[in-house]
Amino acid sequence: MARKTLSLGALMDREERPDPTPAAAQPKNQDVVEKPAKAPKPSYREGKRAFTAWAPTEAYRQLKRMAADRDTTVQALLEEGMDLVFAKYGYDQIARQ
């Protein structure tokens, strides 16, 4: 279907159409956008940062198995591993604080 071409004059003469959005759906103050409040961090995460490491799938599975076999968490094993690497290179063992 071909679009109807309007001249600049026709566009200027045309009456302004009302906003099709219902008033209830429009924000009351368009200048202020409220962000949802962030959930507070759990206390066990205070002073800690998350990071991502990539490992082969089989290494990931083995780490999960190792944690289950020792009735511990992957988090605890990773902290232990970081402390071992820190000690190897002469750094303070601070991962398990």
N, C-alpha and C. Protein backbone atom coordinates (compact mmCIF):
# COMPACT_ATOMS: atom_id res chain seq x y z
N MET A 1 0.85 -1.17 0.00
CA MET A 1 0.00 0.00 0.00
C MET A 1 0.90 1.23 0.00
N ALA A 2 0.63 2.19 -0.86
CA ALA A 2 1.44 3.40 -0.97
C ALA A 2 1.11 4.36 0.17
N ARG A 3 2.16 5.04 0.64
CA ARG A 3 1.95 6.02 1.71
C ARG A 3 1.47 7.34 1.10
N LYS A 4 0.63 8.01 1.82
CA LYS A 4 0.12 9.29 1.37
C LYS A 4 1.18 10.35 1.65
N THR A 5 1.59 11.11 0.66
CA THR A 5 2.60 12.15 0.81
C THR A 5 1.92 13.44 1.21
N LEU A 6 2.43 14.06 2.26
CA LEU A 6 1.89 15.34 2.73
C LEU A 6 2.93 16.42 2.51
N SER A 7 2.49 17.57 2.11
CA SER A 7 3.40 18.69 1.95
C SER A 7 3.66 19.32 3.31
N LEU A 8 4.70 20.14 3.41
CA LEU A 8 5.03 20.81 4.66
C LEU A 8 3.87 21.69 5.11
N GLY A 9 3.25 22.36 4.16
CA GLY A 9 2.12 23.22 4.48
C GLY A 9 0.95 22.42 5.05
N ALA A 10 0.69 21.25 4.47
CA ALA A 10 -0.40 20.41 4.95
C ALA A 10 -0.11 19.92 6.36
N LEU A 11 1.15 19.60 6.62
CA LEU A 11 1.51 19.15 7.96
C LEU A 11 1.34 20.26 8.98
N MET A 12 1.69 21.49 8.59
CA MET A 12 1.58 22.63 9.52
C MET A 12 0.12 23.00 9.77
N ASP A 13 -0.73 22.82 8.74
CA ASP A 13 -2.15 23.16 8.87
C ASP A 13 -2.94 22.12 9.64
N ARG A 14 -2.42 20.92 9.67
CA ARG A 14 -3.15 19.82 10.29
C ARG A 14 -3.29 20.06 11.80
N GLU A 15 -4.44 19.77 12.32
CA GLU A 15 -4.67 19.93 13.75
C GLU A 15 -3.87 18.89 14.52
N GLU A 16 -3.41 19.28 15.69
CA GLU A 16 -2.66 18.36 16.53
C GLU A 16 -3.60 17.30 17.07
N ARG A 17 -3.18 16.05 16.93
CA ARG A 17 -4.01 14.95 17.40
C ARG A 17 -3.80 14.75 18.90
N PRO A 18 -4.85 14.32 19.60
CA PRO A 18 -4.67 14.05 21.04
C PRO A 18 -3.79 12.81 21.23
N ASP A 19 -3.12 12.76 22.36
CA ASP A 19 -2.24 11.63 22.69
C ASP A 19 -3.10 10.38 22.87
N PRO A 20 -2.82 9.30 22.12
CA PRO A 20 -3.64 8.10 22.23
C PRO A 20 -3.41 7.33 23.53
N THR A 21 -2.34 7.64 24.27
CA THR A 21 -2.05 6.95 25.52
C THR A 21 -2.99 7.45 26.61
N PRO A 22 -3.67 6.56 27.32
CA PRO A 22 -4.56 7.00 28.39
C PRO A 22 -3.77 7.73 29.48
N ALA A 23 -4.40 8.67 30.12
CA ALA A 23 -3.74 9.49 31.14
C ALA A 23 -3.20 8.63 32.28
N ALA A 24 -3.87 7.55 32.61
CA ALA A 24 -3.42 6.70 33.71
C ALA A 24 -2.10 6.01 33.38
N ALA A 25 -1.83 5.77 32.09
CA ALA A 25 -0.61 5.08 31.69
C ALA A 25 0.58 6.02 31.56
N GLN A 26 0.32 7.34 31.50
CA GLN A 26 1.41 8.30 31.36
C GLN A 26 2.04 8.58 32.72
N PRO A 27 3.38 8.73 32.77
CA PRO A 27 4.01 9.09 34.04
C PRO A 27 3.57 10.48 34.45
N LYS A 28 3.41 10.70 35.74
CA LYS A 28 2.93 11.99 36.24
C LYS A 28 3.95 13.08 36.01
N ASN A 29 5.22 12.79 36.23
CA ASN A 29 6.28 13.76 36.01
C ASN A 29 7.29 13.11 35.08
N GLN A 30 7.31 13.52 33.82
CA GLN A 30 8.16 12.89 32.83
C GLN A 30 9.63 13.23 33.02
N ASP A 31 9.95 14.25 33.80
CA ASP A 31 11.35 14.62 34.02
C ASP A 31 12.03 13.71 35.04
N VAL A 32 11.28 13.10 35.91
CA VAL A 32 11.84 12.27 36.98
C VAL A 32 11.55 10.81 36.67
N VAL A 33 12.61 10.02 36.56
CA VAL A 33 12.46 8.59 36.35
C VAL A 33 12.98 7.90 37.60
N GLU A 34 12.09 7.23 38.30
CA GLU A 34 12.48 6.56 39.53
C GLU A 34 13.01 5.17 39.23
N LYS A 35 14.19 4.86 39.80
CA LYS A 35 14.76 3.53 39.66
C LYS A 35 14.27 2.67 40.81
N PRO A 36 14.06 1.39 40.56
CA PRO A 36 13.65 0.54 41.67
C PRO A 36 14.77 0.47 42.70
N ALA A 37 14.38 0.38 43.95
CA ALA A 37 15.37 0.31 45.03
C ALA A 37 16.12 -1.01 44.97
N LYS A 38 17.44 -0.93 45.20
CA LYS A 38 18.25 -2.14 45.21
C LYS A 38 18.02 -2.87 46.53
N ALA A 39 18.02 -4.17 46.44
CA ALA A 39 17.90 -4.98 47.66
C ALA A 39 19.21 -4.84 48.44
N PRO A 40 19.15 -4.78 49.75
CA PRO A 40 20.39 -4.68 50.52
C PRO A 40 21.24 -5.93 50.36
N LYS A 41 22.59 -5.75 50.40
CA LYS A 41 23.49 -6.88 50.30
C LYS A 41 23.40 -7.72 51.56
N PRO A 42 23.44 -9.04 51.40
CA PRO A 42 23.49 -9.89 52.59
C PRO A 42 24.79 -9.61 53.36
N SER A 43 24.76 -9.75 54.66
CA SER A 43 25.92 -9.41 55.50
C SER A 43 27.16 -10.23 55.14
N TYR A 44 26.99 -11.47 54.70
CA TYR A 44 28.15 -12.29 54.37
C TYR A 44 28.86 -11.82 53.10
N ARG A 45 28.26 -10.89 52.36
CA ARG A 45 28.89 -10.37 51.14
C ARG A 45 29.52 -9.01 51.35
N GLU A 46 29.38 -8.43 52.54
CA GLU A 46 29.97 -7.12 52.81
C GLU A 46 31.47 -7.18 52.65
N GLY A 47 32.04 -6.21 51.94
CA GLY A 47 33.48 -6.13 51.75
C GLY A 47 34.03 -7.13 50.75
N LYS A 48 33.17 -7.76 49.97
CA LYS A 48 33.62 -8.77 49.01
C LYS A 48 33.20 -8.35 47.61
N ARG A 49 33.93 -8.85 46.61
CA ARG A 49 33.63 -8.59 45.20
C ARG A 49 33.47 -9.90 44.47
N ALA A 50 32.61 -9.93 43.50
CA ALA A 50 32.42 -11.12 42.66
C ALA A 50 33.33 -11.01 41.44
N PHE A 51 33.77 -12.16 40.94
CA PHE A 51 34.51 -12.19 39.69
C PHE A 51 34.19 -13.50 38.98
N THR A 52 34.49 -13.53 37.68
CA THR A 52 34.19 -14.70 36.87
C THR A 52 35.48 -15.30 36.36
N ALA A 53 35.55 -16.61 36.36
CA ALA A 53 36.69 -17.32 35.78
C ALA A 53 36.14 -18.39 34.84
N TRP A 54 36.82 -18.60 33.74
CA TRP A 54 36.40 -19.60 32.77
C TRP A 54 37.28 -20.82 32.91
N ALA A 55 36.65 -21.97 32.94
CA ALA A 55 37.38 -23.24 33.09
C ALA A 55 36.74 -24.27 32.16
N PRO A 56 37.52 -25.30 31.79
CA PRO A 56 36.93 -26.37 30.98
C PRO A 56 35.76 -27.01 31.74
N THR A 57 34.78 -27.47 31.00
CA THR A 57 33.59 -28.08 31.60
C THR A 57 33.95 -29.20 32.56
N GLU A 58 34.90 -30.04 32.19
CA GLU A 58 35.27 -31.17 33.05
C GLU A 58 35.91 -30.68 34.36
N ALA A 59 36.68 -29.60 34.31
CA ALA A 59 37.27 -29.04 35.53
C ALA A 59 36.18 -28.49 36.45
N TYR A 60 35.17 -27.86 35.86
CA TYR A 60 34.04 -27.35 36.64
C TYR A 60 33.30 -28.50 37.33
N ARG A 61 33.04 -29.55 36.57
CA ARG A 61 32.34 -30.71 37.15
C ARG A 61 33.16 -31.36 38.26
N GLN A 62 34.47 -31.45 38.03
CA GLN A 62 35.33 -32.06 39.05
C GLN A 62 35.34 -31.22 40.33
N LEU A 63 35.35 -29.90 40.19
CA LEU A 63 35.31 -29.02 41.36
C LEU A 63 34.00 -29.20 42.12
N LYS A 64 32.88 -29.30 41.39
CA LYS A 64 31.58 -29.52 42.04
C LYS A 64 31.56 -30.87 42.76
N ARG A 65 32.10 -31.91 42.10
CA ARG A 65 32.17 -33.24 42.71
C ARG A 65 33.03 -33.21 43.97
N MET A 66 34.17 -32.53 43.87
CA MET A 66 35.10 -32.42 45.00
C MET A 66 34.43 -31.75 46.19
N ALA A 67 33.66 -30.69 45.94
CA ALA A 67 32.93 -30.00 47.01
C ALA A 67 31.91 -30.93 47.64
N ALA A 68 31.18 -31.67 46.82
CA ALA A 68 30.16 -32.60 47.34
C ALA A 68 30.81 -33.72 48.15
N ASP A 69 31.94 -34.26 47.64
CA ASP A 69 32.63 -35.35 48.35
C ASP A 69 33.13 -34.91 49.72
N ARG A 70 33.50 -33.64 49.85
CA ARG A 70 34.06 -33.13 51.10
C ARG A 70 33.01 -32.40 51.95
N ASP A 71 31.76 -32.45 51.50
CA ASP A 71 30.66 -31.79 52.21
C ASP A 71 30.98 -30.31 52.48
N THR A 72 31.42 -29.61 51.43
CA THR A 72 31.73 -28.19 51.52
C THR A 72 31.17 -27.51 50.28
N THR A 73 31.53 -26.27 50.07
CA THR A 73 31.03 -25.52 48.92
C THR A 73 32.15 -25.24 47.93
N VAL A 74 31.76 -24.96 46.70
CA VAL A 74 32.73 -24.55 45.69
C VAL A 74 33.39 -23.25 46.15
N GLN A 75 32.63 -22.38 46.77
CA GLN A 75 33.16 -21.11 47.30
C GLN A 75 34.32 -21.38 48.26
N ALA A 76 34.13 -22.30 49.18
CA ALA A 76 35.17 -22.61 50.17
C ALA A 76 36.42 -23.18 49.49
N LEU A 77 36.23 -24.05 48.50
CA LEU A 77 37.37 -24.62 47.79
C LEU A 77 38.13 -23.55 47.01
N LEU A 78 37.41 -22.64 46.37
CA LEU A 78 38.06 -21.57 45.63
C LEU A 78 38.84 -20.65 46.56
N GLU A 79 38.28 -20.35 47.73
CA GLU A 79 38.99 -19.52 48.71
C GLU A 79 40.27 -20.23 49.17
N GLU A 80 40.18 -21.53 49.43
CA GLU A 80 41.35 -22.30 49.83
C GLU A 80 42.41 -22.28 48.72
N GLY A 81 41.97 -22.45 47.48
CA GLY A 81 42.88 -22.42 46.35
C GLY A 81 43.56 -21.07 46.18
N MET A 82 42.81 -19.99 46.37
CA MET A 82 43.42 -18.65 46.28
C MET A 82 44.47 -18.47 47.36
N ASP A 83 44.17 -18.93 48.58
CA ASP A 83 45.15 -18.80 49.66
C ASP A 83 46.42 -19.61 49.36
N LEU A 84 46.27 -20.79 48.77
CA LEU A 84 47.45 -21.59 48.41
C LEU A 84 48.30 -20.87 47.36
N VAL A 85 47.65 -20.24 46.38
CA VAL A 85 48.39 -19.49 45.36
C VAL A 85 49.05 -18.26 45.98
N PHE A 86 48.34 -17.58 46.86
CA PHE A 86 48.94 -16.42 47.55
C PHE A 86 50.19 -16.85 48.31
N ALA A 87 50.11 -17.95 49.05
CA ALA A 87 51.25 -18.43 49.83
C ALA A 87 52.41 -18.82 48.92
N LYS A 88 52.11 -19.46 47.82
CA LYS A 88 53.14 -19.89 46.87
C LYS A 88 53.96 -18.70 46.37
N TYR A 89 53.32 -17.58 46.15
CA TYR A 89 54.00 -16.41 45.61
C TYR A 89 54.36 -15.37 46.68
N GLY A 90 54.27 -15.76 47.96
CA GLY A 90 54.71 -14.89 49.04
C GLY A 90 53.76 -13.80 49.47
N TYR A 91 52.49 -13.96 49.16
CA TYR A 91 51.48 -12.98 49.58
C TYR A 91 50.77 -13.49 50.84
N ASP A 92 50.12 -12.56 51.54
CA ASP A 92 49.33 -12.93 52.71
C ASP A 92 48.15 -13.79 52.27
N GLN A 93 47.82 -14.77 53.07
CA GLN A 93 46.66 -15.65 52.79
C GLN A 93 45.41 -14.97 53.35
N ILE A 94 44.72 -14.22 52.50
CA ILE A 94 43.61 -13.38 52.96
C ILE A 94 42.26 -13.77 52.38
N ALA A 95 42.20 -14.79 51.55
CA ALA A 95 40.93 -15.13 50.87
C ALA A 95 39.88 -15.67 51.81
N ARG A 96 40.28 -16.29 52.92
CA ARG A 96 39.30 -16.92 53.83
C ARG A 96 39.08 -16.09 55.09
N GLN A 97 38.96 -14.82 54.94
CA GLN A 97 38.74 -13.97 56.11
C GLN A 97 37.29 -13.94 56.50
